[in-house]
Amino acid sequence: MPRWGPIARRELIRGLRTLGFDGPFSGGRHQFMVRGDVVVAIPNPHGKDIGVALLSRVLRQAGVTRSEWEKA
């Protein structure tokens, strides 16, 4: 189960796959994941964890609530 808080990029991708997203696929500047009509940009790897603010923006873009994320 992914936690709510700073998270590694790999854990973010694993959690989104659990929620039914496919990818990541190569895009312009960022990789992205897809579930139906929803396309979510994945932050580039930079050696540090993804912070709570960026995590919440990615999940909002994905249409995933905090409770859904923690249950995934």
PDB file of N, CA and C in Angstrom:
ATOM      1  N   MET A   1       0.820  -1.182   0.000  1.00  0.00           N
ATOM      2  CA  MET A   1       0.000   0.000   0.000  1.00  0.00           C
ATOM      3  C   MET A   1       0.866   1.250   0.000  1.00  0.00           C
ATOM      4  N   PRO A   2       0.648   2.133  -0.969  1.00  0.00           N
ATOM      5  CA  PRO A   2       1.404   3.391  -0.942  1.00  0.00           C
ATOM      6  C   PRO A   2       0.984   4.243   0.252  1.00  0.00           C
ATOM      7  N   ARG A   3       1.920   4.943   0.789  1.00  0.00           N
ATOM      8  CA  ARG A   3       1.617   5.791   1.936  1.00  0.00           C
ATOM      9  C   ARG A   3       1.350   7.206   1.470  1.00  0.00           C
ATOM     10  N   TRP A   4       0.747   7.980   2.340  1.00  0.00           N
ATOM     11  CA  TRP A   4       0.540   9.395   2.070  1.00  0.00           C
ATOM     12  C   TRP A   4       1.711  10.136   2.684  1.00  0.00           C
ATOM     13  N   GLY A   5       2.526  10.709   1.877  1.00  0.00           N
ATOM     14  CA  GLY A   5       3.708  11.411   2.330  1.00  0.00           C
ATOM     15  C   GLY A   5       4.753  11.344   1.249  1.00  0.00           C
ATOM     16  N   PRO A   6       5.951  11.778   1.535  1.00  0.00           N
ATOM     17  CA  PRO A   6       7.012  11.695   0.535  1.00  0.00           C
ATOM     18  C   PRO A   6       7.158  10.256   0.039  1.00  0.00           C
ATOM     19  N   ILE A   7       7.262  10.109  -1.267  1.00  0.00           N
ATOM     20  CA  ILE A   7       7.247   8.781  -1.867  1.00  0.00           C
ATOM     21  C   ILE A   7       8.255   8.744  -3.015  1.00  0.00           C
ATOM     22  N   ALA A   8       8.848   7.599  -3.238  1.00  0.00           N
ATOM     23  CA  ALA A   8       9.773   7.417  -4.351  1.00  0.00           C
ATOM     24  C   ALA A   8       8.981   7.341  -5.655  1.00  0.00           C
ATOM     25  N   ARG A   9       9.592   7.765  -6.733  1.00  0.00           N
ATOM     26  CA  ARG A   9       8.933   7.743  -8.048  1.00  0.00           C
ATOM     27  C   ARG A   9       8.489   6.331  -8.396  1.00  0.00           C
ATOM     28  N   ARG A  10       9.313   5.353  -8.086  1.00  0.00           N
ATOM     29  CA  ARG A  10       8.987   3.955  -8.377  1.00  0.00           C
ATOM     30  C   ARG A  10       7.722   3.515  -7.635  1.00  0.00           C
ATOM     31  N   GLU A  11       7.572   3.948  -6.384  1.00  0.00           N
ATOM     32  CA  GLU A  11       6.372   3.612  -5.611  1.00  0.00           C
ATOM     33  C   GLU A  11       5.140   4.294  -6.187  1.00  0.00           C
ATOM     34  N   LEU A  12       5.288   5.526  -6.678  1.00  0.00           N
ATOM     35  CA  LEU A  12       4.179   6.228  -7.315  1.00  0.00           C
ATOM     36  C   LEU A  12       3.693   5.455  -8.531  1.00  0.00           C
ATOM     37  N   ILE A  13       4.616   5.015  -9.355  1.00  0.00           N
ATOM     38  CA  ILE A  13       4.253   4.255 -10.552  1.00  0.00           C
ATOM     39  C   ILE A  13       3.589   2.943 -10.171  1.00  0.00           C
ATOM     40  N   ARG A  14       4.119   2.263  -9.170  1.00  0.00           N
ATOM     41  CA  ARG A  14       3.536   0.997  -8.721  1.00  0.00           C
ATOM     42  C   ARG A  14       2.107   1.205  -8.208  1.00  0.00           C
ATOM     43  N   GLY A  15       1.902   2.268  -7.426  1.00  0.00           N
ATOM     44  CA  GLY A  15       0.569   2.553  -6.906  1.00  0.00           C
ATOM     45  C   GLY A  15      -0.428   2.886  -7.997  1.00  0.00           C
ATOM     46  N   LEU A  16      -0.002   3.669  -9.001  1.00  0.00           N
ATOM     47  CA  LEU A  16      -0.902   3.999 -10.104  1.00  0.00           C
ATOM     48  C   LEU A  16      -1.234   2.768 -10.934  1.00  0.00           C
ATOM     49  N   ARG A  17      -0.283   1.865 -11.109  1.00  0.00           N
ATOM     50  CA  ARG A  17      -0.574   0.613 -11.824  1.00  0.00           C
ATOM     51  C   ARG A  17      -1.605  -0.212 -11.065  1.00  0.00           C
ATOM     52  N   THR A  18      -1.503  -0.244  -9.745  1.00  0.00           N
ATOM     53  CA  THR A  18      -2.473  -0.963  -8.920  1.00  0.00           C
ATOM     54  C   THR A  18      -3.874  -0.393  -9.116  1.00  0.00           C
ATOM     55  N   LEU A  19      -3.942   0.923  -9.347  1.00  0.00           N
ATOM     56  CA  LEU A  19      -5.225   1.591  -9.546  1.00  0.00           C
ATOM     57  C   LEU A  19      -5.720   1.509 -10.988  1.00  0.00           C
ATOM     58  N   GLY A  20      -5.024   0.764 -11.842  1.00  0.00           N
ATOM     59  CA  GLY A  20      -5.497   0.520 -13.200  1.00  0.00           C
ATOM     60  C   GLY A  20      -4.864   1.355 -14.284  1.00  0.00           C
ATOM     61  N   PHE A  21      -3.819   2.090 -13.975  1.00  0.00           N
ATOM     62  CA  PHE A  21      -3.144   2.889 -14.993  1.00  0.00           C
ATOM     63  C   PHE A  21      -2.134   2.031 -15.737  1.00  0.00           C
ATOM     64  N   ASP A  22      -1.936   2.329 -17.022  1.00  0.00           N
ATOM     65  CA  ASP A  22      -0.941   1.664 -17.852  1.00  0.00           C
ATOM     66  C   ASP A  22       0.214   2.615 -18.097  1.00  0.00           C
ATOM     67  N   GLY A  23       1.401   2.065 -18.251  1.00  0.00           N
ATOM     68  CA  GLY A  23       2.560   2.904 -18.539  1.00  0.00           C
ATOM     69  C   GLY A  23       3.623   2.708 -17.491  1.00  0.00           C
ATOM     70  N   PRO A  24       4.554   3.578 -17.395  1.00  0.00           N
ATOM     71  CA  PRO A  24       4.653   4.884 -18.038  1.00  0.00           C
ATOM     72  C   PRO A  24       5.132   4.797 -19.489  1.00  0.00           C
ATOM     73  N   PHE A  25       4.628   5.734 -20.291  1.00  0.00           N
ATOM     74  CA  PHE A  25       4.984   5.858 -21.688  1.00  0.00           C
ATOM     75  C   PHE A  25       5.807   7.126 -21.868  1.00  0.00           C
ATOM     76  N   SER A  26       6.659   7.126 -22.886  1.00  0.00           N
ATOM     77  CA  SER A  26       7.461   8.311 -23.165  1.00  0.00           C
ATOM     78  C   SER A  26       6.589   9.400 -23.765  1.00  0.00           C
ATOM     79  N   GLY A  27       6.815  10.624 -23.301  1.00  0.00           N
ATOM     80  CA  GLY A  27       6.075  11.763 -23.805  1.00  0.00           C
ATOM     81  C   GLY A  27       7.032  12.852 -24.225  1.00  0.00           C
ATOM     82  N   GLY A  28       6.569  14.076 -24.209  1.00  0.00           N
ATOM     83  CA  GLY A  28       7.413  15.206 -24.562  1.00  0.00           C
ATOM     84  C   GLY A  28       8.506  15.402 -23.533  1.00  0.00           C
ATOM     85  N   ARG A  29       8.186  16.092 -22.452  1.00  0.00           N
ATOM     86  CA  ARG A  29       9.171  16.335 -21.401  1.00  0.00           C
ATOM     87  C   ARG A  29       9.028  15.378 -20.225  1.00  0.00           C
ATOM     88  N   HIS A  30       7.848  14.769 -20.094  1.00  0.00           N
ATOM     89  CA  HIS A  30       7.594  13.856 -18.980  1.00  0.00           C
ATOM     90  C   HIS A  30       7.003  12.568 -19.510  1.00  0.00           C
ATOM     91  N   GLN A  31       7.250  11.505 -18.777  1.00  0.00           N
ATOM     92  CA  GLN A  31       6.546  10.265 -19.059  1.00  0.00           C
ATOM     93  C   GLN A  31       5.121  10.429 -18.551  1.00  0.00           C
ATOM     94  N   PHE A  32       4.219   9.574 -19.035  1.00  0.00           N
ATOM     95  CA  PHE A  32       2.834   9.669 -18.600  1.00  0.00           C
ATOM     96  C   PHE A  32       2.234   8.276 -18.472  1.00  0.00           C
ATOM     97  N   MET A  33       1.131   8.215 -17.708  1.00  0.00           N
ATOM     98  CA  MET A  33       0.392   6.968 -17.531  1.00  0.00           C
ATOM     99  C   MET A  33      -1.049   7.226 -17.926  1.00  0.00           C
ATOM    100  N   VAL A  34      -1.745   6.173 -18.378  1.00  0.00           N
ATOM    101  CA  VAL A  34      -3.083   6.315 -18.936  1.00  0.00           C
ATOM    102  C   VAL A  34      -4.036   5.314 -18.296  1.00  0.00           C
ATOM    103  N   ARG A  35      -5.259   5.778 -18.018  1.00  0.00           N
ATOM    104  CA  ARG A  35      -6.369   4.905 -17.605  1.00  0.00           C
ATOM    105  C   ARG A  35      -7.606   5.440 -18.284  1.00  0.00           C
ATOM    106  N   GLY A  36      -8.059   4.760 -19.322  1.00  0.00           N
ATOM    107  CA  GLY A  36      -9.211   5.244 -20.078  1.00  0.00           C
ATOM    108  C   GLY A  36      -8.881   6.577 -20.741  1.00  0.00           C
ATOM    109  N   ASP A  37      -9.662   7.615 -20.425  1.00  0.00           N
ATOM    110  CA  ASP A  37      -9.443   8.949 -20.985  1.00  0.00           C
ATOM    111  C   ASP A  37      -8.524   9.800 -20.125  1.00  0.00           C
ATOM    112  N   VAL A  38      -8.108   9.296 -18.985  1.00  0.00           N
ATOM    113  CA  VAL A  38      -7.301  10.070 -18.038  1.00  0.00           C
ATOM    114  C   VAL A  38      -5.820   9.859 -18.334  1.00  0.00           C
ATOM    115  N   VAL A  39      -5.110  10.968 -18.526  1.00  0.00           N
ATOM    116  CA  VAL A  39      -3.668  10.938 -18.773  1.00  0.00           C
ATOM    117  C   VAL A  39      -2.990  11.702 -17.639  1.00  0.00           C
ATOM    118  N   VAL A  40      -2.019  11.058 -17.006  1.00  0.00           N
ATOM    119  CA  VAL A  40      -1.331  11.642 -15.856  1.00  0.00           C
ATOM    120  C   VAL A  40       0.156  11.755 -16.160  1.00  0.00           C
ATOM    121  N   ALA A  41       0.695  12.960 -16.028  1.00  0.00           N
ATOM    122  CA  ALA A  41       2.135  13.178 -16.206  1.00  0.00           C
ATOM    123  C   ALA A  41       2.864  12.689 -14.959  1.00  0.00           C
ATOM    124  N   ILE A  42       3.944  11.972 -15.165  1.00  0.00           N
ATOM    125  CA  ILE A  42       4.741  11.429 -14.071  1.00  0.00           C
ATOM    126  C   ILE A  42       5.976  12.311 -13.887  1.00  0.00           C
ATOM    127  N   PRO A  43       6.277  12.733 -12.664  1.00  0.00           N
ATOM    128  CA  PRO A  43       7.468  13.560 -12.442  1.00  0.00           C
ATOM    129  C   PRO A  43       8.740  12.840 -12.893  1.00  0.00           C
ATOM    130  N   ASN A  44       9.666  13.616 -13.410  1.00  0.00           N
ATOM    131  CA  ASN A  44      10.952  13.063 -13.844  1.00  0.00           C
ATOM    132  C   ASN A  44      11.747  12.580 -12.642  1.00  0.00           C
ATOM    133  N   PRO A  45      12.562  11.539 -12.835  1.00  0.00           N
ATOM    134  CA  PRO A  45      13.408  11.078 -11.726  1.00  0.00           C
ATOM    135  C   PRO A  45      14.466  12.126 -11.406  1.00  0.00           C
ATOM    136  N   HIS A  46      14.643  12.389 -10.126  1.00  0.00           N
ATOM    137  CA  HIS A  46      15.629  13.381  -9.722  1.00  0.00           C
ATOM    138  C   HIS A  46      16.382  12.975  -8.461  1.00  0.00           C
ATOM    139  N   GLY A  47      16.275  11.719  -8.076  1.00  0.00           N
ATOM    140  CA  GLY A  47      17.078  11.215  -6.975  1.00  0.00           C
ATOM    141  C   GLY A  47      16.496  11.418  -5.598  1.00  0.00           C
ATOM    142  N   LYS A  48      15.455  12.223  -5.482  1.00  0.00           N
ATOM    143  CA  LYS A  48      14.830  12.445  -4.184  1.00  0.00           C
ATOM    144  C   LYS A  48      13.381  12.002  -4.249  1.00  0.00           C
ATOM    145  N   ASP A  49      12.767  11.892  -3.075  1.00  0.00           N
ATOM    146  CA  ASP A  49      11.361  11.516  -3.016  1.00  0.00           C
ATOM    147  C   ASP A  49      10.471  12.632  -3.547  1.00  0.00           C
ATOM    148  N   ILE A  50       9.289  12.233  -4.015  1.00  0.00           N
ATOM    149  CA  ILE A  50       8.267  13.176  -4.458  1.00  0.00           C
ATOM    150  C   ILE A  50       7.560  13.669  -3.204  1.00  0.00           C
ATOM    151  N   GLY A  51       7.479  14.971  -3.029  1.00  0.00           N
ATOM    152  CA  GLY A  51       6.870  15.558  -1.840  1.00  0.00           C
ATOM    153  C   GLY A  51       5.359  15.435  -1.828  1.00  0.00           C
ATOM    154  N   VAL A  52       4.765  15.755  -0.702  1.00  0.00           N
ATOM    155  CA  VAL A  52       3.321  15.640  -0.510  1.00  0.00           C
ATOM    156  C   VAL A  52       2.564  16.550  -1.470  1.00  0.00           C
ATOM    157  N   ALA A  53       3.050  17.773  -1.685  1.00  0.00           N
ATOM    158  CA  ALA A  53       2.351  18.709  -2.563  1.00  0.00           C
ATOM    159  C   ALA A  53       2.292  18.181  -3.995  1.00  0.00           C
ATOM    160  N   LEU A  54       3.414  17.679  -4.503  1.00  0.00           N
ATOM    161  CA  LEU A  54       3.433  17.143  -5.862  1.00  0.00           C
ATOM    162  C   LEU A  54       2.629  15.854  -5.951  1.00  0.00           C
ATOM    163  N   LEU A  55       2.701  15.021  -4.932  1.00  0.00           N
ATOM    164  CA  LEU A  55       1.909  13.795  -4.903  1.00  0.00           C
ATOM    165  C   LEU A  55       0.424  14.119  -4.985  1.00  0.00           C
ATOM    166  N   SER A  56      -0.032  15.102  -4.221  1.00  0.00           N
ATOM    167  CA  SER A  56      -1.452  15.451  -4.241  1.00  0.00           C
ATOM    168  C   SER A  56      -1.864  16.027  -5.593  1.00  0.00           C
ATOM    169  N   ARG A  57      -0.976  16.788  -6.255  1.00  0.00           N
ATOM    170  CA  ARG A  57      -1.297  17.310  -7.588  1.00  0.00           C
ATOM    171  C   ARG A  57      -1.409  16.183  -8.616  1.00  0.00           C
ATOM    172  N   VAL A  58      -0.501  15.210  -8.549  1.00  0.00           N
ATOM    173  CA  VAL A  58      -0.545  14.083  -9.480  1.00  0.00           C
ATOM    174  C   VAL A  58      -1.820  13.278  -9.262  1.00  0.00           C
ATOM    175  N   LEU A  59      -2.171  13.023  -8.005  1.00  0.00           N
ATOM    176  CA  LEU A  59      -3.367  12.233  -7.719  1.00  0.00           C
ATOM    177  C   LEU A  59      -4.634  12.993  -8.091  1.00  0.00           C
ATOM    178  N   ARG A  60      -4.648  14.299  -7.916  1.00  0.00           N
ATOM    179  CA  ARG A  60      -5.797  15.108  -8.331  1.00  0.00           C
ATOM    180  C   ARG A  60      -5.963  15.018  -9.846  1.00  0.00           C
ATOM    181  N   GLN A  61      -4.848  15.102 -10.570  1.00  0.00           N
ATOM    182  CA  GLN A  61      -4.873  14.982 -12.025  1.00  0.00           C
ATOM    183  C   GLN A  61      -5.386  13.593 -12.435  1.00  0.00           C
ATOM    184  N   ALA A  62      -5.070  12.586 -11.638  1.00  0.00           N
ATOM    185  CA  ALA A  62      -5.483  11.212 -11.931  1.00  0.00           C
ATOM    186  C   ALA A  62      -6.922  10.936 -11.502  1.00  0.00           C
ATOM    187  N   GLY A  63      -7.514  11.835 -10.710  1.00  0.00           N
ATOM    188  CA  GLY A  63      -8.871  11.603 -10.218  1.00  0.00           C
ATOM    189  C   GLY A  63      -8.915  10.582  -9.106  1.00  0.00           C
ATOM    190  N   VAL A  64      -7.842  10.501  -8.322  1.00  0.00           N
ATOM    191  CA  VAL A  64      -7.725   9.533  -7.235  1.00  0.00           C
ATOM    192  C   VAL A  64      -7.772  10.280  -5.910  1.00  0.00           C
ATOM    193  N   THR A  65      -8.619   9.820  -4.990  1.00  0.00           N
ATOM    194  CA  THR A  65      -8.693  10.445  -3.676  1.00  0.00           C
ATOM    195  C   THR A  65      -7.614   9.871  -2.763  1.00  0.00           C
ATOM    196  N   ARG A  66      -7.398  10.568  -1.666  1.00  0.00           N
ATOM    197  CA  ARG A  66      -6.391  10.110  -0.710  1.00  0.00           C
ATOM    198  C   ARG A  66      -6.755   8.739  -0.145  1.00  0.00           C
ATOM    199  N   SER A  67      -8.033   8.513   0.148  1.00  0.00           N
ATOM    200  CA  SER A  67      -8.436   7.216   0.696  1.00  0.00           C
ATOM    201  C   SER A  67      -8.264   6.096  -0.337  1.00  0.00           C
ATOM    202  N   GLU A  68      -8.562   6.366  -1.610  1.00  0.00           N
ATOM    203  CA  GLU A  68      -8.336   5.372  -2.656  1.00  0.00           C
ATOM    204  C   GLU A  68      -6.840   5.047  -2.767  1.00  0.00           C
ATOM    205  N   TRP A  69      -6.013   6.078  -2.685  1.00  0.00           N
ATOM    206  CA  TRP A  69      -4.566   5.895  -2.785  1.00  0.00           C
ATOM    207  C   TRP A  69      -4.044   5.024  -1.659  1.00  0.00           C
ATOM    208  N   GLU A  70      -4.494   5.293  -0.438  1.00  0.00           N
ATOM    209  CA  GLU A  70      -4.003   4.525   0.705  1.00  0.00           C
ATOM    210  C   GLU A  70      -4.516   3.093   0.715  1.00  0.00           C
ATOM    211  N   LYS A  71      -5.642   2.837   0.056  1.00  0.00           N
ATOM    212  CA  LYS A  71      -6.178   1.473  -0.031  1.00  0.00           C
ATOM    213  C   LYS A  71      -5.569   0.670  -1.169  1.00  0.00           C
ATOM    214  N   ALA A  72      -4.939   1.357  -2.130  1.00  0.00           N
ATOM    215  CA  ALA A  72      -4.391   0.676  -3.320  1.00  0.00           C
ATOM    216  C   ALA A  72      -3.264  -0.261  -2.958  1.00  0.00           C
TER     217      ALA A  72
END
